[in-house]
Amino acid sequence: MARPPRQLGASGIYHVTCRGLDRHPLFYDDADRRRFLELVARAKAATHVALLAFCLMDDHVHLLLQQRGQPISDFMRRAAGEYAQWFNAKYDRVGPLFDGRFRSQLVPTDAYFAAVVAYIHRNPVEAGLVTSTAAYPWSSRSLLGQAPGLVDTDVLAGYAPLAAITEREDHPVAPPVPEPGGVRGPQDAEAEAWLRDLTGTGTPASFHALPTADQKTAVAALAARGATQRQIARITGVPRGIVTRWLRPT
């Protein structure tokens, strides 16, 4: 009997994208790309978030991350936030580099997992930059099957064998990707279950009885799991403007 699809929500695996503001390039040369990956490696070490796949395009980035303890928002604040500061200093520019907060989408099943990895690797092929995924130097495709390093290939292989990923690359079925306008969240019932697990509260009134620091921690954890700001406000009773402020990188 075939085993049922494994639900990965508890594992905290997310397809994350971030884009340059107004399609502004994020990378002008290979030195920029190397610096971004250096900061990704540093963010991994600091937050223990696992990197399962990546692709650096000129004006946007795809990352497949597994949350382990610290939320992926901490990882992105370190990797993307520090990169934006470095980029602005290098090119003598001011203002935001990225188009708002990163977008994330939960990866729910094994089959979807393989499709997401293949989709990430196929970005440069679909853009006409190369004719095969293996030919692009700024993705994790060439690292598949190697020992863990920048990419946690041991974790990756536990969810999808190399053959399953390469088959998807050869016969792609594009999975849904985060909407440009924001994060596509879970159903309210799932988000409410997360909130109960995180805080033991089941109503906005009981949530508001928590210390503010605990409320902020829970809001950040809900966002890292894929809940939208509107949804967080709805299930916690915290005004959306305050949710936005609490989630804003500092």
C-alpha atoms as a PDB file:
ATOM      1  CA  MET A   1       0.000   0.000   0.000  1.00  0.00           C
ATOM      2  CA  ALA A   2       1.351   3.414  -0.943  1.00  0.00           C
ATOM      3  CA  ARG A   3       2.069   5.586   2.056  1.00  0.00           C
ATOM      4  CA  PRO A   4       0.016   8.794   2.398  1.00  0.00           C
ATOM      5  CA  PRO A   5       1.645  12.122   1.575  1.00  0.00           C
ATOM      6  CA  ARG A   6       3.674  13.420   4.491  1.00  0.00           C
ATOM      7  CA  GLN A   7       2.446  16.758   5.808  1.00  0.00           C
ATOM      8  CA  LEU A   8       5.400  19.050   6.319  1.00  0.00           C
ATOM      9  CA  GLY A   9       3.714  21.893   8.195  1.00  0.00           C
ATOM     10  CA  ALA A  10       5.255  20.783  11.494  1.00  0.00           C
ATOM     11  CA  SER A  11       8.676  20.633   9.799  1.00  0.00           C
ATOM     12  CA  GLY A  12       8.512  24.313   8.887  1.00  0.00           C
ATOM     13  CA  ILE A  13       9.619  24.081   5.232  1.00  0.00           C
ATOM     14  CA  TYR A  14       8.903  27.196   3.176  1.00  0.00           C
ATOM     15  CA  HIS A  15       9.486  28.422  -0.357  1.00  0.00           C
ATOM     16  CA  VAL A  16      10.709  31.981   0.140  1.00  0.00           C
ATOM     17  CA  THR A  17      11.082  34.680  -2.496  1.00  0.00           C
ATOM     18  CA  CYS A  18      12.324  38.253  -2.335  1.00  0.00           C
ATOM     19  CA  ARG A  19      12.464  40.746  -5.195  1.00  0.00           C
ATOM     20  CA  GLY A  20      14.259  43.963  -5.929  1.00  0.00           C
ATOM     21  CA  LEU A  21      12.186  47.110  -5.441  1.00  0.00           C
ATOM     22  CA  ASP A  22      10.607  48.089  -8.786  1.00  0.00           C
ATOM     23  CA  ARG A  23      12.472  45.147 -10.338  1.00  0.00           C
ATOM     24  CA  HIS A  24      15.778  46.785  -9.416  1.00  0.00           C
ATOM     25  CA  PRO A  25      18.683  44.343  -9.844  1.00  0.00           C
ATOM     26  CA  LEU A  26      19.852  42.691  -6.668  1.00  0.00           C
ATOM     27  CA  PHE A  27      23.124  41.587  -8.241  1.00  0.00           C
ATOM     28  CA  TYR A  28      25.315  43.432 -10.724  1.00  0.00           C
ATOM     29  CA  ASP A  29      28.166  40.942 -10.817  1.00  0.00           C
ATOM     30  CA  ASP A  30      29.384  37.635  -9.432  1.00  0.00           C
ATOM     31  CA  ALA A  31      31.009  39.381  -6.466  1.00  0.00           C
ATOM     32  CA  ASP A  32      27.537  40.514  -5.390  1.00  0.00           C
ATOM     33  CA  ARG A  33      26.201  36.972  -5.690  1.00  0.00           C
ATOM     34  CA  ARG A  34      29.107  35.551  -3.707  1.00  0.00           C
ATOM     35  CA  ARG A  35      28.538  38.136  -0.977  1.00  0.00           C
ATOM     36  CA  PHE A  36      24.844  37.236  -0.744  1.00  0.00           C
ATOM     37  CA  LEU A  37      25.679  33.542  -0.364  1.00  0.00           C
ATOM     38  CA  GLU A  38      28.293  34.370   2.270  1.00  0.00           C
ATOM     39  CA  LEU A  39      25.614  36.189   4.256  1.00  0.00           C
ATOM     40  CA  VAL A  40      23.230  33.266   3.756  1.00  0.00           C
ATOM     41  CA  ALA A  41      25.863  30.964   5.243  1.00  0.00           C
ATOM     42  CA  ARG A  42      26.328  33.316   8.205  1.00  0.00           C
ATOM     43  CA  ALA A  43      22.567  33.539   8.746  1.00  0.00           C
ATOM     44  CA  LYS A  44      22.353  29.738   8.709  1.00  0.00           C
ATOM     45  CA  ALA A  45      25.023  29.473  11.391  1.00  0.00           C
ATOM     46  CA  ALA A  46      23.318  32.083  13.560  1.00  0.00           C
ATOM     47  CA  THR A  47      19.727  30.826  13.285  1.00  0.00           C
ATOM     48  CA  HIS A  48      20.144  27.098  12.522  1.00  0.00           C
ATOM     49  CA  VAL A  49      17.675  27.451   9.637  1.00  0.00           C
ATOM     50  CA  ALA A  50      18.392  24.796   6.990  1.00  0.00           C
ATOM     51  CA  LEU A  51      18.904  25.794   3.353  1.00  0.00           C
ATOM     52  CA  LEU A  52      17.516  23.113   1.037  1.00  0.00           C
ATOM     53  CA  ALA A  53      17.625  24.875  -2.363  1.00  0.00           C
ATOM     54  CA  PHE A  54      18.298  28.306  -3.839  1.00  0.00           C
ATOM     55  CA  CYS A  55      18.495  30.240  -7.085  1.00  0.00           C
ATOM     56  CA  LEU A  56      19.842  33.760  -7.525  1.00  0.00           C
ATOM     57  CA  MET A  57      18.324  35.634 -10.460  1.00  0.00           C
ATOM     58  CA  ASP A  58      19.227  39.206 -11.374  1.00  0.00           C
ATOM     59  CA  ASP A  59      16.248  40.836  -9.663  1.00  0.00           C
ATOM     60  CA  HIS A  60      14.904  38.150  -7.351  1.00  0.00           C
ATOM     61  CA  VAL A  61      15.925  35.227  -5.184  1.00  0.00           C
ATOM     62  CA  HIS A  62      14.330  31.862  -4.445  1.00  0.00           C
ATOM     63  CA  LEU A  63      15.162  30.019  -1.213  1.00  0.00           C
ATOM     64  CA  LEU A  64      13.811  26.775   0.206  1.00  0.00           C
ATOM     65  CA  LEU A  65      14.214  26.968   3.974  1.00  0.00           C
ATOM     66  CA  GLN A  66      13.449  24.741   6.922  1.00  0.00           C
ATOM     67  CA  GLN A  67      12.772  26.492  10.188  1.00  0.00           C
ATOM     68  CA  ARG A  68      14.597  24.981  13.139  1.00  0.00           C
ATOM     69  CA  GLY A  69      14.014  26.844  16.364  1.00  0.00           C
ATOM     70  CA  GLN A  70      14.442  30.434  15.237  1.00  0.00           C
ATOM     71  CA  PRO A  71      11.873  31.720  12.717  1.00  0.00           C
ATOM     72  CA  ILE A  72      12.793  32.211   9.102  1.00  0.00           C
ATOM     73  CA  SER A  73      12.151  35.929   9.586  1.00  0.00           C
ATOM     74  CA  ASP A  74      15.336  36.020  11.720  1.00  0.00           C
ATOM     75  CA  PHE A  75      17.232  34.264   8.941  1.00  0.00           C
ATOM     76  CA  MET A  76      15.934  36.686   6.296  1.00  0.00           C
ATOM     77  CA  ARG A  77      16.616  39.723   8.448  1.00  0.00           C
ATOM     78  CA  ARG A  78      20.231  38.660   8.699  1.00  0.00           C
ATOM     79  CA  ALA A  79      20.772  37.485   5.114  1.00  0.00           C
ATOM     80  CA  ALA A  80      18.675  39.985   3.139  1.00  0.00           C
ATOM     81  CA  GLY A  81      18.929  42.860   5.608  1.00  0.00           C
ATOM     82  CA  GLU A  82      22.705  42.730   5.873  1.00  0.00           C
ATOM     83  CA  TYR A  83      23.009  42.280   2.118  1.00  0.00           C
ATOM     84  CA  ALA A  84      20.916  45.405   1.483  1.00  0.00           C
ATOM     85  CA  GLN A  85      23.213  47.413   3.753  1.00  0.00           C
ATOM     86  CA  TRP A  86      26.316  46.040   2.033  1.00  0.00           C
ATOM     87  CA  PHE A  87      24.858  46.606  -1.450  1.00  0.00           C
ATOM     88  CA  ASN A  88      23.888  50.217  -0.699  1.00  0.00           C
ATOM     89  CA  ALA A  89      27.338  50.954   0.675  1.00  0.00           C
ATOM     90  CA  LYS A  90      29.080  49.348  -2.300  1.00  0.00           C
ATOM     91  CA  TYR A  91      27.021  51.190  -4.902  1.00  0.00           C
ATOM     92  CA  ASP A  92      26.573  54.446  -2.949  1.00  0.00           C
ATOM     93  CA  ARG A  93      22.787  54.241  -2.944  1.00  0.00           C
ATOM     94  CA  VAL A  94      20.125  54.871  -0.312  1.00  0.00           C
ATOM     95  CA  GLY A  95      16.668  53.505   0.321  1.00  0.00           C
ATOM     96  CA  PRO A  96      15.125  50.031   0.280  1.00  0.00           C
ATOM     97  CA  LEU A  97      16.673  47.408  -1.961  1.00  0.00           C
ATOM     98  CA  PHE A  98      13.942  44.781  -1.618  1.00  0.00           C
ATOM     99  CA  ASP A  99      10.278  45.076  -2.545  1.00  0.00           C
ATOM    100  CA  GLY A 100       8.871  44.902   0.960  1.00  0.00           C
ATOM    101  CA  ARG A 101       9.006  41.882   3.209  1.00  0.00           C
ATOM    102  CA  PHE A 102       9.928  38.497   1.804  1.00  0.00           C
ATOM    103  CA  ARG A 103       7.114  36.198   0.614  1.00  0.00           C
ATOM    104  CA  SER A 104       6.815  32.651   1.892  1.00  0.00           C
ATOM    105  CA  GLN A 105       4.651  29.635   1.209  1.00  0.00           C
ATOM    106  CA  LEU A 106       4.385  26.427   3.154  1.00  0.00           C
ATOM    107  CA  VAL A 107       5.522  23.252   1.381  1.00  0.00           C
ATOM    108  CA  PRO A 108       2.823  20.722   2.370  1.00  0.00           C
ATOM    109  CA  THR A 109       3.696  17.313   0.812  1.00  0.00           C
ATOM    110  CA  ASP A 110       6.574  15.204  -0.529  1.00  0.00           C
ATOM    111  CA  ALA A 111       5.382  15.516  -4.128  1.00  0.00           C
ATOM    112  CA  TYR A 112       5.067  19.255  -3.785  1.00  0.00           C
ATOM    113  CA  PHE A 113       8.537  19.404  -2.230  1.00  0.00           C
ATOM    114  CA  ALA A 114      10.181  17.854  -5.299  1.00  0.00           C
ATOM    115  CA  ALA A 115       8.169  20.157  -7.582  1.00  0.00           C
ATOM    116  CA  VAL A 116       9.280  23.249  -5.655  1.00  0.00           C
ATOM    117  CA  VAL A 117      12.971  22.288  -5.825  1.00  0.00           C
ATOM    118  CA  ALA A 118      12.663  21.636  -9.564  1.00  0.00           C
ATOM    119  CA  TYR A 119      10.784  24.920 -10.053  1.00  0.00           C
ATOM    120  CA  ILE A 120      13.508  26.848  -8.237  1.00  0.00           C
ATOM    121  CA  HIS A 121      16.229  25.238 -10.353  1.00  0.00           C
ATOM    122  CA  ARG A 122      14.335  25.831 -13.612  1.00  0.00           C
ATOM    123  CA  ASN A 123      14.081  29.602 -13.162  1.00  0.00           C
ATOM    124  CA  PRO A 124      17.152  30.423 -15.304  1.00  0.00           C
ATOM    125  CA  VAL A 125      16.034  27.925 -17.969  1.00  0.00           C
ATOM    126  CA  GLU A 126      12.593  29.518 -18.188  1.00  0.00           C
ATOM    127  CA  ALA A 127      14.265  32.937 -18.396  1.00  0.00           C
ATOM    128  CA  GLY A 128      16.370  31.778 -21.359  1.00  0.00           C
ATOM    129  CA  LEU A 129      19.690  32.202 -19.550  1.00  0.00           C
ATOM    130  CA  VAL A 130      20.761  28.549 -19.933  1.00  0.00           C
ATOM    131  CA  THR A 131      19.466  25.448 -21.650  1.00  0.00           C
ATOM    132  CA  SER A 132      19.746  23.104 -18.650  1.00  0.00           C
ATOM    133  CA  THR A 133      19.423  23.545 -14.907  1.00  0.00           C
ATOM    134  CA  ALA A 134      22.884  22.086 -14.324  1.00  0.00           C
ATOM    135  CA  ALA A 135      24.471  24.803 -16.471  1.00  0.00           C
ATOM    136  CA  TYR A 136      23.475  27.672 -14.191  1.00  0.00           C
ATOM    137  CA  PRO A 137      26.205  28.458 -11.648  1.00  0.00           C
ATOM    138  CA  TRP A 138      24.088  30.420  -9.146  1.00  0.00           C
ATOM    139  CA  SER A 139      21.634  27.801  -7.978  1.00  0.00           C
ATOM    140  CA  SER A 140      21.850  24.738  -5.772  1.00  0.00           C
ATOM    141  CA  ARG A 141      21.412  22.382  -8.736  1.00  0.00           C
ATOM    142  CA  SER A 142      25.118  21.547  -9.000  1.00  0.00           C
ATOM    143  CA  LEU A 143      25.228  20.754  -5.267  1.00  0.00           C
ATOM    144  CA  LEU A 144      22.663  17.955  -5.403  1.00  0.00           C
ATOM    145  CA  GLY A 145      24.219  14.659  -4.349  1.00  0.00           C
ATOM    146  CA  GLN A 146      27.179  16.337  -2.664  1.00  0.00           C
ATOM    147  CA  ALA A 147      28.035  16.414   1.014  1.00  0.00           C
ATOM    148  CA  PRO A 148      26.205  18.971   3.185  1.00  0.00           C
ATOM    149  CA  GLY A 149      27.669  22.449   3.109  1.00  0.00           C
ATOM    150  CA  LEU A 150      25.938  25.667   2.164  1.00  0.00           C
ATOM    151  CA  VAL A 151      22.973  23.484   1.162  1.00  0.00           C
ATOM    152  CA  ASP A 152      21.807  20.899   3.686  1.00  0.00           C
ATOM    153  CA  THR A 153      21.755  18.116   1.106  1.00  0.00           C
ATOM    154  CA  ASP A 154      21.265  15.434   3.748  1.00  0.00           C
ATOM    155  CA  VAL A 155      17.982  17.031   4.823  1.00  0.00           C
ATOM    156  CA  LEU A 156      17.009  17.612   1.188  1.00  0.00           C
ATOM    157  CA  ALA A 157      17.532  13.943   0.308  1.00  0.00           C
ATOM    158  CA  GLY A 158      15.315  12.934   3.226  1.00  0.00           C
ATOM    159  CA  TYR A 159      12.317  14.575   1.569  1.00  0.00           C
ATOM    160  CA  ALA A 160      13.009  13.887  -2.102  1.00  0.00           C
ATOM    161  CA  PRO A 161      15.658  11.686  -3.720  1.00  0.00           C
ATOM    162  CA  LEU A 162      17.799  13.186  -6.446  1.00  0.00           C
ATOM    163  CA  ALA A 163      15.971  11.185  -9.139  1.00  0.00           C
ATOM    164  CA  ALA A 164      12.605  12.638  -8.114  1.00  0.00           C
ATOM    165  CA  ILE A 165      13.931  16.181  -8.397  1.00  0.00           C
ATOM    166  CA  THR A 166      15.698  15.703 -11.738  1.00  0.00           C
ATOM    167  CA  GLU A 167      12.622  13.998 -13.161  1.00  0.00           C
ATOM    168  CA  ARG A 168      10.568  17.051 -12.217  1.00  0.00           C
ATOM    169  CA  GLU A 169      13.161  19.278 -13.856  1.00  0.00           C
ATOM    170  CA  ASP A 170      12.907  17.303 -17.091  1.00  0.00           C
ATOM    171  CA  HIS A 171       9.094  17.178 -16.969  1.00  0.00           C
ATOM    172  CA  PRO A 172       8.179  20.241 -14.935  1.00  0.00           C
ATOM    173  CA  VAL A 173       4.853  20.793 -13.278  1.00  0.00           C
ATOM    174  CA  ALA A 174       5.020  24.305 -11.890  1.00  0.00           C
ATOM    175  CA  PRO A 175       3.840  24.505  -8.278  1.00  0.00           C
ATOM    176  CA  PRO A 176       2.018  27.567  -6.984  1.00  0.00           C
ATOM    177  CA  VAL A 177       4.430  30.342  -6.042  1.00  0.00           C
ATOM    178  CA  PRO A 178       3.964  33.195  -3.572  1.00  0.00           C
ATOM    179  CA  GLU A 179       1.722  35.908  -4.950  1.00  0.00           C
ATOM    180  CA  PRO A 180       3.536  39.177  -5.798  1.00  0.00           C
ATOM    181  CA  GLY A 181       1.166  41.105  -3.557  1.00  0.00           C
ATOM    182  CA  GLY A 182       1.775  39.131  -0.384  1.00  0.00           C
ATOM    183  CA  VAL A 183       1.947  35.806   1.357  1.00  0.00           C
ATOM    184  CA  ARG A 184      -0.621  33.123   0.670  1.00  0.00           C
ATOM    185  CA  GLY A 185      -1.534  31.888   4.131  1.00  0.00           C
ATOM    186  CA  PRO A 186      -2.998  28.707   5.591  1.00  0.00           C
ATOM    187  CA  GLN A 187      -6.645  28.247   6.479  1.00  0.00           C
ATOM    188  CA  ASP A 188      -7.735  30.063   9.651  1.00  0.00           C
ATOM    189  CA  ALA A 189      -8.361  26.765  11.435  1.00  0.00           C
ATOM    190  CA  GLU A 190      -4.743  25.726  10.865  1.00  0.00           C
ATOM    191  CA  ALA A 191      -3.403  29.109  11.966  1.00  0.00           C
ATOM    192  CA  GLU A 192      -5.588  28.974  15.086  1.00  0.00           C
ATOM    193  CA  ALA A 193      -4.168  25.526  15.883  1.00  0.00           C
ATOM    194  CA  TRP A 194      -0.668  26.952  15.545  1.00  0.00           C
ATOM    195  CA  LEU A 195      -1.622  29.747  17.932  1.00  0.00           C
ATOM    196  CA  ARG A 196      -2.893  27.248  20.529  1.00  0.00           C
ATOM    197  CA  ASP A 197       0.304  25.218  20.213  1.00  0.00           C
ATOM    198  CA  LEU A 198       2.459  28.336  20.568  1.00  0.00           C
ATOM    199  CA  THR A 199       0.646  30.077  23.411  1.00  0.00           C
ATOM    200  CA  GLY A 200      -2.062  27.835  24.842  1.00  0.00           C
ATOM    201  CA  THR A 201      -4.633  30.509  24.032  1.00  0.00           C
ATOM    202  CA  GLY A 202      -7.715  30.039  21.866  1.00  0.00           C
ATOM    203  CA  THR A 203      -9.386  33.442  21.811  1.00  0.00           C
ATOM    204  CA  PRO A 204      -8.283  37.036  21.197  1.00  0.00           C
ATOM    205  CA  ALA A 205      -9.170  37.872  24.817  1.00  0.00           C
ATOM    206  CA  SER A 206      -6.890  35.167  26.221  1.00  0.00           C
ATOM    207  CA  PHE A 207      -4.159  36.127  23.766  1.00  0.00           C
ATOM    208  CA  HIS A 208      -4.309  39.755  24.921  1.00  0.00           C
ATOM    209  CA  ALA A 209      -3.847  38.574  28.504  1.00  0.00           C
ATOM    210  CA  LEU A 210      -0.330  37.429  27.597  1.00  0.00           C
ATOM    211  CA  PRO A 211       2.667  39.712  28.175  1.00  0.00           C
ATOM    212  CA  THR A 212       3.382  41.889  25.147  1.00  0.00           C
ATOM    213  CA  ALA A 213       6.747  40.209  24.589  1.00  0.00           C
ATOM    214  CA  ASP A 214       5.033  36.809  24.370  1.00  0.00           C
ATOM    215  CA  GLN A 215       2.460  38.227  21.954  1.00  0.00           C
ATOM    216  CA  LYS A 216       5.230  39.565  19.701  1.00  0.00           C
ATOM    217  CA  THR A 217       7.041  36.226  19.770  1.00  0.00           C
ATOM    218  CA  ALA A 218       3.857  34.373  18.823  1.00  0.00           C
ATOM    219  CA  VAL A 219       3.076  36.814  16.001  1.00  0.00           C
ATOM    220  CA  ALA A 220       6.585  36.350  14.577  1.00  0.00           C
ATOM    221  CA  ALA A 221       6.250  32.568  14.801  1.00  0.00           C
ATOM    222  CA  LEU A 222       2.871  32.620  13.047  1.00  0.00           C
ATOM    223  CA  ALA A 223       4.296  34.760  10.239  1.00  0.00           C
ATOM    224  CA  ALA A 224       7.289  32.443   9.882  1.00  0.00           C
ATOM    225  CA  ARG A 225       4.929  29.487   9.473  1.00  0.00           C
ATOM    226  CA  GLY A 226       3.140  31.243   6.609  1.00  0.00           C
ATOM    227  CA  ALA A 227       0.214  33.085   8.211  1.00  0.00           C
ATOM    228  CA  THR A 228      -0.543  36.440   6.587  1.00  0.00           C
ATOM    229  CA  GLN A 229      -0.597  39.673   8.553  1.00  0.00           C
ATOM    230  CA  ARG A 230      -4.332  40.059   7.931  1.00  0.00           C
ATOM    231  CA  GLN A 231      -4.902  36.521   9.189  1.00  0.00           C
ATOM    232  CA  ILE A 232      -2.747  37.039  12.281  1.00  0.00           C
ATOM    233  CA  ALA A 233      -4.737  40.157  13.129  1.00  0.00           C
ATOM    234  CA  ARG A 234      -7.987  38.266  12.658  1.00  0.00           C
ATOM    235  CA  ILE A 235      -7.180  35.308  14.926  1.00  0.00           C
ATOM    236  CA  THR A 236      -5.317  37.236  17.650  1.00  0.00           C
ATOM    237  CA  GLY A 237      -7.356  40.421  17.745  1.00  0.00           C
ATOM    238  CA  VAL A 238      -4.174  42.502  17.422  1.00  0.00           C
ATOM    239  CA  PRO A 239      -4.767  45.422  15.022  1.00  0.00           C
ATOM    240  CA  ARG A 240      -3.144  44.823  11.664  1.00  0.00           C
ATOM    241  CA  GLY A 241      -1.054  47.973  11.927  1.00  0.00           C
ATOM    242  CA  ILE A 242       0.486  46.702  15.147  1.00  0.00           C
ATOM    243  CA  VAL A 243       1.101  43.271  13.586  1.00  0.00           C
ATOM    244  CA  THR A 244       2.903  45.001  10.718  1.00  0.00           C
ATOM    245  CA  ARG A 245       5.010  47.037  13.129  1.00  0.00           C
ATOM    246  CA  TRP A 246       5.941  44.000  15.210  1.00  0.00           C
ATOM    247  CA  LEU A 247       7.035  42.108  12.089  1.00  0.00           C
ATOM    248  CA  ARG A 248       9.050  44.973  10.652  1.00  0.00           C
ATOM    249  CA  PRO A 249      12.813  44.222  10.759  1.00  0.00           C
ATOM    250  CA  THR A 250      14.642  46.283  13.347  1.00  0.00           C
END
